[in-house]
Structure formats: C-alpha cells, structure tokens
C-alpha cells in the first residue's frame, strides 16, 4: 500500500516495497485495492517481494513501518540503523477489516506528507 501511495503522491520518486514476512509472489489483499481506490490510487500487478540486502543497498532511503522492523532488518541483514527511518509506528493491517486498512492508509499518507511535504 505504501509503494502505491508513494507512486501516486510523489511520482518523481522511485518506490519499491519489500516485506519481512511475505510470501514472495502473493498478490495484494482485496482490502488494499479498495482502500487505495478510495484514496485515488491503485495497485496493479503487485507481487509481494521479500527484502534482501541488495534492496537496502539500492535505496537512497529506507522507510519502515515499526521499530520492530528496524531491529529485524538490523538482525537479518546487518543493516545499520542510520540507513533505516522509522519515525512512528504504522500498524500492519494484514488480515484485518477494511476500516483498519483505511486507517493504515491514512496514517501512511500523513507520514509521507510530513516527510516530503505537499505533492
């Protein structure tokens, strides 16, 4: 959801979404498509991809959803904390109802606006 929102709000940036606990190749949840559509964005041809060290090395900046994810990336990949940006926890809506997905979408949008300003 964050990648799609980033591409929608800030199309001049290059966005990649990776996960720590994903089944590689799995599709976005139906609630993601509905939530993004209501926000004016969309998710097309999304296939989940697990994060690798090369992804972190590729990125100029790495944004994570929670402090726990910072710890996990440090542990799994040896990523220095200085490469990771987690300013506030964003709850993962996976498996939740549509309302939870909408709240997460709003939270991600607000976080992007704080970081990057008005598109």
PDB file of N, CA and C in Angstrom:
ATOM      1  N   UNK A   1       0.833  -1.176   0.000  1.00  0.00           N
ATOM      2  CA  UNK A   1       0.000   0.000   0.000  1.00  0.00           C
ATOM      3  C   UNK A   1       0.888   1.253   0.000  1.00  0.00           C
ATOM      4  N   UNK A   2       1.968   1.232   0.784  1.00  0.00           N
ATOM      5  CA  UNK A   2       2.846   2.402   0.852  1.00  0.00           C
ATOM      6  C   UNK A   2       3.499   2.699  -0.494  1.00  0.00           C
ATOM      7  N   UNK A   3       3.921   1.665  -1.195  1.00  0.00           N
ATOM      8  CA  UNK A   3       4.538   1.885  -2.511  1.00  0.00           C
ATOM      9  C   UNK A   3       3.551   2.545  -3.465  1.00  0.00           C
ATOM     10  N   UNK A   4       2.328   2.040  -3.516  1.00  0.00           N
ATOM     11  CA  UNK A   4       1.316   2.607  -4.413  1.00  0.00           C
ATOM     12  C   UNK A   4       0.997   4.054  -4.034  1.00  0.00           C
ATOM     13  N   UNK A   5       0.891   4.326  -2.736  1.00  0.00           N
ATOM     14  CA  UNK A   5       0.637   5.701  -2.301  1.00  0.00           C
ATOM     15  C   UNK A   5       1.802   6.615  -2.659  1.00  0.00           C
ATOM     16  N   UNK A   6       3.014   6.131  -2.461  1.00  0.00           N
ATOM     17  CA  UNK A   6       4.187   6.927  -2.816  1.00  0.00           C
ATOM     18  C   UNK A   6       4.226   7.257  -4.293  1.00  0.00           C
ATOM     19  N   UNK A   7       3.953   6.261  -5.127  1.00  0.00           N
ATOM     20  CA  UNK A   7       3.953   6.487  -6.583  1.00  0.00           C
ATOM     21  C   UNK A   7       2.857   7.465  -6.992  1.00  0.00           C
ATOM     22  N   UNK A   8       1.724   7.389  -6.310  1.00  0.00           N
ATOM     23  CA  UNK A   8       0.600   8.264  -6.614  1.00  0.00           C
ATOM     24  C   UNK A   8       0.885   9.703  -6.174  1.00  0.00           C
ATOM     25  N   UNK A   9       1.351   9.865  -4.930  1.00  0.00           N
ATOM     26  CA  UNK A   9       1.566  11.202  -4.379  1.00  0.00           C
ATOM     27  C   UNK A   9       2.846  11.867  -4.876  1.00  0.00           C
ATOM     28  N   UNK A  10       3.883  11.064  -5.074  1.00  0.00           N
ATOM     29  CA  UNK A  10       5.200  11.595  -5.446  1.00  0.00           C
ATOM     30  C   UNK A  10       5.760  10.809  -6.627  1.00  0.00           C
ATOM     31  N   UNK A  11       5.201  11.007  -7.799  1.00  0.00           N
ATOM     32  CA  UNK A  11       5.594  10.198  -8.959  1.00  0.00           C
ATOM     33  C   UNK A  11       7.029  10.421  -9.432  1.00  0.00           C
ATOM     34  N   UNK A  12       7.679  11.475  -8.987  1.00  0.00           N
ATOM     35  CA  UNK A  12       9.071  11.715  -9.408  1.00  0.00           C
ATOM     36  C   UNK A  12      10.061  10.851  -8.622  1.00  0.00           C
ATOM     37  N   UNK A  13       9.612  10.302  -7.513  1.00  0.00           N
ATOM     38  CA  UNK A  13      10.453   9.409  -6.713  1.00  0.00           C
ATOM     39  C   UNK A  13      10.341   7.991  -7.270  1.00  0.00           C
ATOM     40  N   UNK A  14      11.331   7.180  -7.002  1.00  0.00           N
ATOM     41  CA  UNK A  14      11.286   5.760  -7.362  1.00  0.00           C
ATOM     42  C   UNK A  14      10.985   4.992  -6.084  1.00  0.00           C
ATOM     43  N   UNK A  15       9.959   4.162  -6.134  1.00  0.00           N
ATOM     44  CA  UNK A  15       9.490   3.450  -4.947  1.00  0.00           C
ATOM     45  C   UNK A  15       9.596   1.948  -5.153  1.00  0.00           C
ATOM     46  N   UNK A  16       9.997   1.266  -4.114  1.00  0.00           N
ATOM     47  CA  UNK A  16       9.958  -0.198  -4.077  1.00  0.00           C
ATOM     48  C   UNK A  16       9.434  -0.611  -2.713  1.00  0.00           C
ATOM     49  N   UNK A  17       8.582  -1.594  -2.714  1.00  0.00           N
ATOM     50  CA  UNK A  17       8.055  -2.122  -1.466  1.00  0.00           C
ATOM     51  C   UNK A  17       8.594  -3.525  -1.261  1.00  0.00           C
ATOM     52  N   UNK A  18       9.087  -3.770  -0.075  1.00  0.00           N
ATOM     53  CA  UNK A  18       9.589  -5.092   0.288  1.00  0.00           C
ATOM     54  C   UNK A  18       9.035  -5.449   1.651  1.00  0.00           C
ATOM     55  N   UNK A  19       8.974  -6.749   1.928  1.00  0.00           N
ATOM     56  CA  UNK A  19       8.425  -7.186   3.200  1.00  0.00           C
ATOM     57  C   UNK A  19       9.343  -8.124   3.948  1.00  0.00           C
ATOM     58  N   UNK A  20       9.148  -8.167   5.247  1.00  0.00           N
ATOM     59  CA  UNK A  20       9.909  -9.077   6.095  1.00  0.00           C
ATOM     60  C   UNK A  20       9.196 -10.412   6.259  1.00  0.00           C
ATOM     61  N   UNK A  21       7.879 -10.396   6.226  1.00  0.00           N
ATOM     62  CA  UNK A  21       7.098 -11.618   6.445  1.00  0.00           C
ATOM     63  C   UNK A  21       6.093 -11.782   5.310  1.00  0.00           C
ATOM     64  N   UNK A  22       6.598 -11.990   4.103  1.00  0.00           N
ATOM     65  CA  UNK A  22       5.719 -12.116   2.939  1.00  0.00           C
ATOM     66  C   UNK A  22       5.940 -13.446   2.244  1.00  0.00           C
ATOM     67  N   UNK A  23       4.918 -13.864   1.540  1.00  0.00           N
ATOM     68  CA  UNK A  23       5.066 -14.993   0.618  1.00  0.00           C
ATOM     69  C   UNK A  23       5.370 -14.376  -0.735  1.00  0.00           C
ATOM     70  N   UNK A  24       6.595 -14.537  -1.184  1.00  0.00           N
ATOM     71  CA  UNK A  24       7.008 -13.938  -2.447  1.00  0.00           C
ATOM     72  C   UNK A  24       6.048 -14.339  -3.560  1.00  0.00           C
ATOM     73  N   UNK A  25       5.602 -13.339  -4.307  1.00  0.00           N
ATOM     74  CA  UNK A  25       4.684 -13.565  -5.414  1.00  0.00           C
ATOM     75  C   UNK A  25       3.222 -13.422  -5.052  1.00  0.00           C
ATOM     76  N   UNK A  26       2.890 -13.349  -3.755  1.00  0.00           N
ATOM     77  CA  UNK A  26       1.481 -13.232  -3.381  1.00  0.00           C
ATOM     78  C   UNK A  26       0.941 -11.863  -3.792  1.00  0.00           C
ATOM     79  N   UNK A  27      -0.323 -11.826  -4.069  1.00  0.00           N
ATOM     80  CA  UNK A  27      -0.996 -10.605  -4.535  1.00  0.00           C
ATOM     81  C   UNK A  27      -1.444  -9.745  -3.360  1.00  0.00           C
ATOM     82  N   UNK A  28      -1.717  -8.497  -3.632  1.00  0.00           N
ATOM     83  CA  UNK A  28      -2.219  -7.580  -2.608  1.00  0.00           C
ATOM     84  C   UNK A  28      -3.604  -8.029  -2.158  1.00  0.00           C
ATOM     85  N   UNK A  29      -3.885  -7.825  -0.887  1.00  0.00           N
ATOM     86  CA  UNK A  29      -5.191  -8.163  -0.335  1.00  0.00           C
ATOM     87  C   UNK A  29      -6.273  -7.318  -1.005  1.00  0.00           C
ATOM     88  N   UNK A  30      -7.469  -7.870  -1.086  1.00  0.00           N
ATOM     89  CA  UNK A  30      -8.585  -7.151  -1.713  1.00  0.00           C
ATOM     90  C   UNK A  30      -8.833  -5.804  -1.029  1.00  0.00           C
ATOM     91  N   UNK A  31      -8.706  -5.777   0.296  1.00  0.00           N
ATOM     92  CA  UNK A  31      -8.919  -4.520   1.026  1.00  0.00           C
ATOM     93  C   UNK A  31      -7.915  -3.441   0.613  1.00  0.00           C
ATOM     94  N   UNK A  32      -6.721  -3.848   0.178  1.00  0.00           N
ATOM     95  CA  UNK A  32      -5.723  -2.875  -0.289  1.00  0.00           C
ATOM     96  C   UNK A  32      -6.241  -2.172  -1.539  1.00  0.00           C
ATOM     97  N   UNK A  33      -6.740  -2.947  -2.489  1.00  0.00           N
ATOM     98  CA  UNK A  33      -7.245  -2.373  -3.740  1.00  0.00           C
ATOM     99  C   UNK A  33      -8.407  -1.420  -3.477  1.00  0.00           C
ATOM    100  N   UNK A  34      -9.323  -1.819  -2.611  1.00  0.00           N
ATOM    101  CA  UNK A  34     -10.484  -0.983  -2.298  1.00  0.00           C
ATOM    102  C   UNK A  34     -10.040   0.307  -1.604  1.00  0.00           C
ATOM    103  N   UNK A  35      -9.151   0.173  -0.631  1.00  0.00           N
ATOM    104  CA  UNK A  35      -8.675   1.334   0.122  1.00  0.00           C
ATOM    105  C   UNK A  35      -7.916   2.308  -0.771  1.00  0.00           C
ATOM    106  N   UNK A  36      -7.028   1.789  -1.595  1.00  0.00           N
ATOM    107  CA  UNK A  36      -6.268   2.662  -2.496  1.00  0.00           C
ATOM    108  C   UNK A  36      -7.174   3.334  -3.513  1.00  0.00           C
ATOM    109  N   UNK A  37      -8.156   2.616  -4.016  1.00  0.00           N
ATOM    110  CA  UNK A  37      -9.103   3.205  -4.963  1.00  0.00           C
ATOM    111  C   UNK A  37      -9.841   4.381  -4.348  1.00  0.00           C
ATOM    112  N   UNK A  38     -10.241   4.241  -3.091  1.00  0.00           N
ATOM    113  CA  UNK A  38     -10.933   5.329  -2.400  1.00  0.00           C
ATOM    114  C   UNK A  38     -10.006   6.522  -2.179  1.00  0.00           C
ATOM    115  N   UNK A  39      -8.697   6.262  -2.089  1.00  0.00           N
ATOM    116  CA  UNK A  39      -7.715   7.338  -1.887  1.00  0.00           C
ATOM    117  C   UNK A  39      -7.261   7.959  -3.205  1.00  0.00           C
ATOM    118  N   UNK A  40      -7.763   7.430  -4.332  1.00  0.00           N
ATOM    119  CA  UNK A  40      -7.394   7.964  -5.638  1.00  0.00           C
ATOM    120  C   UNK A  40      -6.229   7.251  -6.287  1.00  0.00           C
ATOM    121  N   UNK A  41      -5.693   6.247  -5.618  1.00  0.00           N
ATOM    122  CA  UNK A  41      -4.558   5.489  -6.134  1.00  0.00           C
ATOM    123  C   UNK A  41      -5.035   4.112  -6.577  1.00  0.00           C
ATOM    124  N   UNK A  42      -4.104   3.281  -6.974  1.00  0.00           N
ATOM    125  CA  UNK A  42      -4.455   1.913  -7.349  1.00  0.00           C
ATOM    126  C   UNK A  42      -3.236   1.015  -7.200  1.00  0.00           C
ATOM    127  N   UNK A  43      -3.495  -0.262  -7.099  1.00  0.00           N
ATOM    128  CA  UNK A  43      -2.416  -1.239  -7.059  1.00  0.00           C
ATOM    129  C   UNK A  43      -2.625  -2.164  -8.251  1.00  0.00           C
ATOM    130  N   UNK A  44      -1.638  -2.233  -9.114  1.00  0.00           N
ATOM    131  CA  UNK A  44      -1.746  -3.089 -10.290  1.00  0.00           C
ATOM    132  C   UNK A  44      -0.525  -3.983 -10.377  1.00  0.00           C
ATOM    133  N   UNK A  45      -0.768  -5.209 -10.730  1.00  0.00           N
ATOM    134  CA  UNK A  45       0.314  -6.180 -10.934  1.00  0.00           C
ATOM    135  C   UNK A  45       1.264  -6.284  -9.749  1.00  0.00           C
ATOM    136  N   UNK A  46       0.755  -6.119  -8.549  1.00  0.00           N
ATOM    137  CA  UNK A  46       1.611  -6.218  -7.369  1.00  0.00           C
ATOM    138  C   UNK A  46       1.871  -7.679  -7.035  1.00  0.00           C
ATOM    139  N   UNK A  47       3.110  -7.981  -6.782  1.00  0.00           N
ATOM    140  CA  UNK A  47       3.502  -9.296  -6.281  1.00  0.00           C
ATOM    141  C   UNK A  47       4.459  -9.055  -5.117  1.00  0.00           C
ATOM    142  N   UNK A  48       4.140  -9.611  -3.968  1.00  0.00           N
ATOM    143  CA  UNK A  48       4.964  -9.406  -2.778  1.00  0.00           C
ATOM    144  C   UNK A  48       6.390  -9.889  -3.014  1.00  0.00           C
ATOM    145  N   UNK A  49       7.327  -9.162  -2.438  1.00  0.00           N
ATOM    146  CA  UNK A  49       8.743  -9.489  -2.558  1.00  0.00           C
ATOM    147  C   UNK A  49       9.394  -9.361  -1.188  1.00  0.00           C
ATOM    148  N   UNK A  50      10.126 -10.383  -0.797  1.00  0.00           N
ATOM    149  CA  UNK A  50      10.842 -10.343   0.477  1.00  0.00           C
ATOM    150  C   UNK A  50      12.069  -9.440   0.351  1.00  0.00           C
ATOM    151  N   UNK A  51      12.361  -8.709   1.395  1.00  0.00           N
ATOM    152  CA  UNK A  51      13.503  -7.792   1.392  1.00  0.00           C
ATOM    153  C   UNK A  51      14.817  -8.570   1.412  1.00  0.00           C
ATOM    154  N   UNK A  52      15.762  -8.039   0.668  1.00  0.00           N
ATOM    155  CA  UNK A  52      17.113  -8.607   0.609  1.00  0.00           C
ATOM    156  C   UNK A  52      18.112  -7.478   0.857  1.00  0.00           C
ATOM    157  N   UNK A  53      19.325  -7.842   1.190  1.00  0.00           N
ATOM    158  CA  UNK A  53      20.366  -6.838   1.440  1.00  0.00           C
ATOM    159  C   UNK A  53      20.542  -5.921   0.233  1.00  0.00           C
ATOM    160  N   UNK A  54      20.442  -6.471  -0.970  1.00  0.00           N
ATOM    161  CA  UNK A  54      20.610  -5.667  -2.188  1.00  0.00           C
ATOM    162  C   UNK A  54      19.547  -4.574  -2.292  1.00  0.00           C
ATOM    163  N   UNK A  55      18.337  -4.835  -1.789  1.00  0.00           N
ATOM    164  CA  UNK A  55      17.278  -3.819  -1.813  1.00  0.00           C
ATOM    165  C   UNK A  55      17.655  -2.632  -0.934  1.00  0.00           C
ATOM    166  N   UNK A  56      18.188  -2.929   0.232  1.00  0.00           N
ATOM    167  CA  UNK A  56      18.583  -1.874   1.163  1.00  0.00           C
ATOM    168  C   UNK A  56      19.761  -1.089   0.593  1.00  0.00           C
ATOM    169  N   UNK A  57      20.706  -1.789  -0.005  1.00  0.00           N
ATOM    170  CA  UNK A  57      21.863  -1.128  -0.615  1.00  0.00           C
ATOM    171  C   UNK A  57      21.448  -0.239  -1.785  1.00  0.00           C
ATOM    172  N   UNK A  58      20.447  -0.668  -2.556  1.00  0.00           N
ATOM    173  CA  UNK A  58      19.971   0.074  -3.723  1.00  0.00           C
ATOM    174  C   UNK A  58      19.349   1.412  -3.324  1.00  0.00           C
ATOM    175  N   UNK A  59      18.640   1.430  -2.221  1.00  0.00           N
ATOM    176  CA  UNK A  59      17.827   2.586  -1.850  1.00  0.00           C
ATOM    177  C   UNK A  59      18.648   3.736  -1.284  1.00  0.00           C
ATOM    178  N   UNK A  60      18.260   4.949  -1.658  1.00  0.00           N
ATOM    179  CA  UNK A  60      18.834   6.139  -1.029  1.00  0.00           C
ATOM    180  C   UNK A  60      18.327   6.258   0.404  1.00  0.00           C
ATOM    181  N   UNK A  61      17.058   5.914   0.594  1.00  0.00           N
ATOM    182  CA  UNK A  61      16.438   5.963   1.912  1.00  0.00           C
ATOM    183  C   UNK A  61      15.548   4.741   2.065  1.00  0.00           C
ATOM    184  N   UNK A  62      15.482   4.221   3.288  1.00  0.00           N
ATOM    185  CA  UNK A  62      14.665   3.047   3.584  1.00  0.00           C
ATOM    186  C   UNK A  62      13.693   3.433   4.694  1.00  0.00           C
ATOM    187  N   UNK A  63      12.410   3.331   4.415  1.00  0.00           N
ATOM    188  CA  UNK A  63      11.375   3.646   5.395  1.00  0.00           C
ATOM    189  C   UNK A  63      10.743   2.349   5.854  1.00  0.00           C
ATOM    190  N   UNK A  64      10.608   2.221   7.153  1.00  0.00           N
ATOM    191  CA  UNK A  64       9.991   1.026   7.718  1.00  0.00           C
ATOM    192  C   UNK A  64       8.790   1.441   8.557  1.00  0.00           C
ATOM    193  N   UNK A  65       7.907   0.483   8.812  1.00  0.00           N
ATOM    194  CA  UNK A  65       6.662   0.795   9.498  1.00  0.00           C
ATOM    195  C   UNK A  65       6.786   0.816  11.018  1.00  0.00           C
ATOM    196  N   UNK A  66       7.699   0.024  11.578  1.00  0.00           N
ATOM    197  CA  UNK A  66       7.767  -0.086  13.033  1.00  0.00           C
ATOM    198  C   UNK A  66       9.209  -0.167  13.530  1.00  0.00           C
ATOM    199  N   UNK A  67       9.381   0.151  14.804  1.00  0.00           N
ATOM    200  CA  UNK A  67      10.694  -0.003  15.437  1.00  0.00           C
ATOM    201  C   UNK A  67      11.120  -1.469  15.412  1.00  0.00           C
ATOM    202  N   UNK A  68      10.169  -2.363  15.526  1.00  0.00           N
ATOM    203  CA  UNK A  68      10.475  -3.799  15.473  1.00  0.00           C
ATOM    204  C   UNK A  68      11.077  -4.166  14.116  1.00  0.00           C
ATOM    205  N   UNK A  69      10.590  -3.566  13.050  1.00  0.00           N
ATOM    206  CA  UNK A  69      11.143  -3.842  11.722  1.00  0.00           C
ATOM    207  C   UNK A  69      12.572  -3.318  11.596  1.00  0.00           C
ATOM    208  N   UNK A  70      12.865  -2.212  12.247  1.00  0.00           N
ATOM    209  CA  UNK A  70      14.243  -1.713  12.267  1.00  0.00           C
ATOM    210  C   UNK A  70      15.141  -2.777  12.885  1.00  0.00           C
ATOM    211  N   UNK A  71      14.727  -3.299  14.031  1.00  0.00           N
ATOM    212  CA  UNK A  71      15.511  -4.334  14.715  1.00  0.00           C
ATOM    213  C   UNK A  71      15.662  -5.577  13.850  1.00  0.00           C
ATOM    214  N   UNK A  72      14.596  -5.974  13.200  1.00  0.00           N
ATOM    215  CA  UNK A  72      14.628  -7.177  12.362  1.00  0.00           C
ATOM    216  C   UNK A  72      15.581  -7.006  11.179  1.00  0.00           C
ATOM    217  N   UNK A  73      15.555  -5.860  10.537  1.00  0.00           N
ATOM    218  CA  UNK A  73      16.475  -5.611   9.420  1.00  0.00           C
ATOM    219  C   UNK A  73      17.927  -5.563   9.890  1.00  0.00           C
ATOM    220  N   UNK A  74      18.137  -5.001  11.048  1.00  0.00           N
ATOM    221  CA  UNK A  74      19.494  -4.986  11.595  1.00  0.00           C
ATOM    222  C   UNK A  74      19.968  -6.412  11.873  1.00  0.00           C
ATOM    223  N   UNK A  75      19.097  -7.214  12.449  1.00  0.00           N
ATOM    224  CA  UNK A  75      19.448  -8.591  12.801  1.00  0.00           C
ATOM    225  C   UNK A  75      19.641  -9.465  11.563  1.00  0.00           C
ATOM    226  N   UNK A  76      18.672  -9.446  10.665  1.00  0.00           N
ATOM    227  CA  UNK A  76      18.714 -10.326   9.483  1.00  0.00           C
ATOM    228  C   UNK A  76      19.761  -9.930   8.456  1.00  0.00           C
ATOM    229  N   UNK A  77      19.829  -8.637   8.176  1.00  0.00           N
ATOM    230  CA  UNK A  77      20.662  -8.175   7.067  1.00  0.00           C
ATOM    231  C   UNK A  77      21.885  -7.376   7.505  1.00  0.00           C
ATOM    232  N   UNK A  78      21.985  -7.108   8.791  1.00  0.00           N
ATOM    233  CA  UNK A  78      23.102  -6.305   9.262  1.00  0.00           C
ATOM    234  C   UNK A  78      23.016  -4.853   8.830  1.00  0.00           C
ATOM    235  N   UNK A  79      21.799  -4.391   8.575  1.00  0.00           N
ATOM    236  CA  UNK A  79      21.597  -3.019   8.105  1.00  0.00           C
ATOM    237  C   UNK A  79      21.871  -2.028   9.234  1.00  0.00           C
ATOM    238  N   UNK A  80      22.745  -1.061   9.020  1.00  0.00           N
ATOM    239  CA  UNK A  80      22.993  -0.056  10.062  1.00  0.00           C
ATOM    240  C   UNK A  80      21.733   0.773  10.324  1.00  0.00           C
ATOM    241  N   UNK A  81      21.508   1.122  11.572  1.00  0.00           N
ATOM    242  CA  UNK A  81      20.324   1.906  11.938  1.00  0.00           C
ATOM    243  C   UNK A  81      20.261   3.218  11.172  1.00  0.00           C
ATOM    244  N   UNK A  82      21.412   3.772  10.828  1.00  0.00           N
ATOM    245  CA  UNK A  82      21.439   5.044  10.103  1.00  0.00           C
ATOM    246  C   UNK A  82      20.810   4.940   8.716  1.00  0.00           C
ATOM    247  N   UNK A  83      20.649   3.727   8.188  1.00  0.00           N
ATOM    248  CA  UNK A  83      20.043   3.520   6.865  1.00  0.00           C
ATOM    249  C   UNK A  83      18.527   3.353   6.962  1.00  0.00           C
ATOM    250  N   UNK A  84      17.991   3.277   8.160  1.00  0.00           N
ATOM    251  CA  UNK A  84      16.577   2.975   8.345  1.00  0.00           C
ATOM    252  C   UNK A  84      15.861   4.153   8.988  1.00  0.00           C
ATOM    253  N   UNK A  85      14.663   4.456   8.493  1.00  0.00           N
ATOM    254  CA  UNK A  85      13.892   5.581   9.003  1.00  0.00           C
ATOM    255  C   UNK A  85      12.536   5.085   9.474  1.00  0.00           C
ATOM    256  N   UNK A  86      12.343   5.115  10.767  1.00  0.00           N
ATOM    257  CA  UNK A  86      11.055   4.771  11.369  1.00  0.00           C
ATOM    258  C   UNK A  86      10.761   5.859  12.374  1.00  0.00           C
ATOM    259  N   UNK A  87       9.900   6.774  12.026  1.00  0.00           N
ATOM    260  CA  UNK A  87       9.631   7.906  12.918  1.00  0.00           C
ATOM    261  C   UNK A  87       8.435   7.658  13.819  1.00  0.00           C
ATOM    262  N   UNK A  88       7.549   6.812  13.389  1.00  0.00           N
ATOM    263  CA  UNK A  88       6.382   6.468  14.202  1.00  0.00           C
ATOM    264  C   UNK A  88       5.847   5.139  13.703  1.00  0.00           C
ATOM    265  N   UNK A  89       5.367   4.327  14.622  1.00  0.00           N
ATOM    266  CA  UNK A  89       4.854   3.022  14.223  1.00  0.00           C
ATOM    267  C   UNK A  89       3.565   3.161  13.418  1.00  0.00           C
ATOM    268  N   UNK A  90       3.508   2.440  12.314  1.00  0.00           N
ATOM    269  CA  UNK A  90       2.309   2.335  11.488  1.00  0.00           C
ATOM    270  C   UNK A  90       1.866   0.883  11.588  1.00  0.00           C
ATOM    271  N   UNK A  91       0.681   0.657  12.115  1.00  0.00           N
ATOM    272  CA  UNK A  91       0.234  -0.722  12.307  1.00  0.00           C
ATOM    273  C   UNK A  91       0.011  -1.411  10.963  1.00  0.00           C
ATOM    274  N   UNK A  92       0.346  -2.692  10.936  1.00  0.00           N
ATOM    275  CA  UNK A  92       0.171  -3.501   9.725  1.00  0.00           C
ATOM    276  C   UNK A  92      -1.264  -4.012   9.698  1.00  0.00           C
ATOM    277  N   UNK A  93      -2.031  -3.667   8.677  1.00  0.00           N
ATOM    278  CA  UNK A  93      -3.433  -4.065   8.640  1.00  0.00           C
ATOM    279  C   UNK A  93      -3.673  -5.501   8.171  1.00  0.00           C
ATOM    280  N   UNK A  94      -2.621  -6.214   7.781  1.00  0.00           N
ATOM    281  CA  UNK A  94      -2.773  -7.538   7.166  1.00  0.00           C
ATOM    282  C   UNK A  94      -3.762  -8.407   7.945  1.00  0.00           C
ATOM    283  N   UNK A  95      -4.762  -8.899   7.232  1.00  0.00           N
ATOM    284  CA  UNK A  95      -5.756  -9.793   7.812  1.00  0.00           C
ATOM    285  C   UNK A  95      -6.870  -9.100   8.573  1.00  0.00           C
ATOM    286  N   UNK A  96      -6.869  -7.771   8.581  1.00  0.00           N
ATOM    287  CA  UNK A  96      -7.866  -7.012   9.336  1.00  0.00           C
ATOM    288  C   UNK A  96      -9.040  -6.602   8.452  1.00  0.00           C
ATOM    289  N   UNK A  97      -9.992  -5.910   9.057  1.00  0.00           N
ATOM    290  CA  UNK A  97     -11.159  -5.444   8.311  1.00  0.00           C
ATOM    291  C   UNK A  97     -10.807  -4.202   7.488  1.00  0.00           C
ATOM    292  N   UNK A  98     -11.730  -3.809   6.635  1.00  0.00           N
ATOM    293  CA  UNK A  98     -11.499  -2.694   5.717  1.00  0.00           C
ATOM    294  C   UNK A  98     -11.236  -1.389   6.475  1.00  0.00           C
ATOM    295  N   UNK A  99     -11.879  -1.204   7.613  1.00  0.00           N
ATOM    296  CA  UNK A  99     -11.663   0.004   8.402  1.00  0.00           C
ATOM    297  C   UNK A  99     -10.219   0.137   8.867  1.00  0.00           C
ATOM    298  N   UNK A 100      -9.619  -0.978   9.244  1.00  0.00           N
ATOM    299  CA  UNK A 100      -8.216  -0.973   9.666  1.00  0.00           C
ATOM    300  C   UNK A 100      -7.313  -0.623   8.498  1.00  0.00           C
ATOM    301  N   UNK A 101      -7.620  -1.150   7.316  1.00  0.00           N
ATOM    302  CA  UNK A 101      -6.844  -0.808   6.117  1.00  0.00           C
ATOM    303  C   UNK A 101      -6.961   0.684   5.815  1.00  0.00           C
ATOM    304  N   UNK A 102      -8.143   1.237   5.962  1.00  0.00           N
ATOM    305  CA  UNK A 102      -8.328   2.673   5.700  1.00  0.00           C
ATOM    306  C   UNK A 102      -7.530   3.524   6.685  1.00  0.00           C
ATOM    307  N   UNK A 103      -7.543   3.121   7.962  1.00  0.00           N
ATOM    308  CA  UNK A 103      -6.772   3.868   8.964  1.00  0.00           C
ATOM    309  C   UNK A 103      -5.276   3.782   8.674  1.00  0.00           C
ATOM    310  N   UNK A 104      -4.812   2.614   8.269  1.00  0.00           N
ATOM    311  CA  UNK A 104      -3.389   2.468   7.920  1.00  0.00           C
ATOM    312  C   UNK A 104      -3.038   3.315   6.704  1.00  0.00           C
ATOM    313  N   UNK A 105      -3.914   3.338   5.721  1.00  0.00           N
ATOM    314  CA  UNK A 105      -3.697   4.154   4.523  1.00  0.00           C
ATOM    315  C   UNK A 105      -3.599   5.629   4.905  1.00  0.00           C
ATOM    316  N   UNK A 106      -4.501   6.079   5.763  1.00  0.00           N
ATOM    317  CA  UNK A 106      -4.466   7.473   6.219  1.00  0.00           C
ATOM    318  C   UNK A 106      -3.172   7.769   6.976  1.00  0.00           C
ATOM    319  N   UNK A 107      -2.763   6.832   7.818  1.00  0.00           N
ATOM    320  CA  UNK A 107      -1.543   7.004   8.611  1.00  0.00           C
ATOM    321  C   UNK A 107      -0.314   7.089   7.702  1.00  0.00           C
ATOM    322  N   UNK A 108      -0.230   6.205   6.730  1.00  0.00           N
ATOM    323  CA  UNK A 108       0.892   6.214   5.780  1.00  0.00           C
ATOM    324  C   UNK A 108       0.905   7.525   4.992  1.00  0.00           C
ATOM    325  N   UNK A 109      -0.260   7.959   4.549  1.00  0.00           N
ATOM    326  CA  UNK A 109      -0.360   9.215   3.796  1.00  0.00           C
ATOM    327  C   UNK A 109       0.123  10.390   4.638  1.00  0.00           C
ATOM    328  N   UNK A 110      -0.324  10.462   5.893  1.00  0.00           N
ATOM    329  CA  UNK A 110       0.113  11.555   6.780  1.00  0.00           C
ATOM    330  C   UNK A 110       1.629  11.519   6.991  1.00  0.00           C
ATOM    331  N   UNK A 111       2.173  10.318   7.163  1.00  0.00           N
ATOM    332  CA  UNK A 111       3.624  10.178   7.365  1.00  0.00           C
ATOM    333  C   UNK A 111       4.389  10.660   6.134  1.00  0.00           C
ATOM    334  N   UNK A 112       3.889  10.339   4.947  1.00  0.00           N
ATOM    335  CA  UNK A 112       4.548  10.792   3.712  1.00  0.00           C
ATOM    336  C   UNK A 112       4.471  12.309   3.577  1.00  0.00           C
ATOM    337  N   UNK A 113       3.329  12.876   3.893  1.00  0.00           N
ATOM    338  CA  UNK A 113       3.180  14.328   3.808  1.00  0.00           C
ATOM    339  C   UNK A 113       4.132  15.037   4.773  1.00  0.00           C
ATOM    340  N   UNK A 114       4.328  14.456   5.964  1.00  0.00           N
ATOM    341  CA  UNK A 114       5.279  15.029   6.926  1.00  0.00           C
ATOM    342  C   UNK A 114       6.703  14.971   6.383  1.00  0.00           C
ATOM    343  N   UNK A 115       7.049  13.854   5.786  1.00  0.00           N
ATOM    344  CA  UNK A 115       8.424  13.666   5.304  1.00  0.00           C
ATOM    345  C   UNK A 115       8.723  14.473   4.051  1.00  0.00           C
ATOM    346  N   UNK A 116       7.781  14.477   3.108  1.00  0.00           N
ATOM    347  CA  UNK A 116       8.059  15.023   1.777  1.00  0.00           C
ATOM    348  C   UNK A 116       7.318  16.314   1.459  1.00  0.00           C
ATOM    349  N   UNK A 117       6.381  16.718   2.286  1.00  0.00           N
ATOM    350  CA  UNK A 117       5.618  17.929   2.030  1.00  0.00           C
ATOM    351  C   UNK A 117       4.477  17.695   1.050  1.00  0.00           C
ATOM    352  N   UNK A 118       3.783  18.754   0.722  1.00  0.00           N
ATOM    353  CA  UNK A 118       2.647  18.678  -0.188  1.00  0.00           C
ATOM    354  C   UNK A 118       3.129  18.311  -1.584  1.00  0.00           C
ATOM    355  N   UNK A 119       2.476  17.310  -2.181  1.00  0.00           N
ATOM    356  CA  UNK A 119       2.892  16.902  -3.545  1.00  0.00           C
ATOM    357  C   UNK A 119       2.637  17.992  -4.571  1.00  0.00           C
TER     358      UNK A 119
END
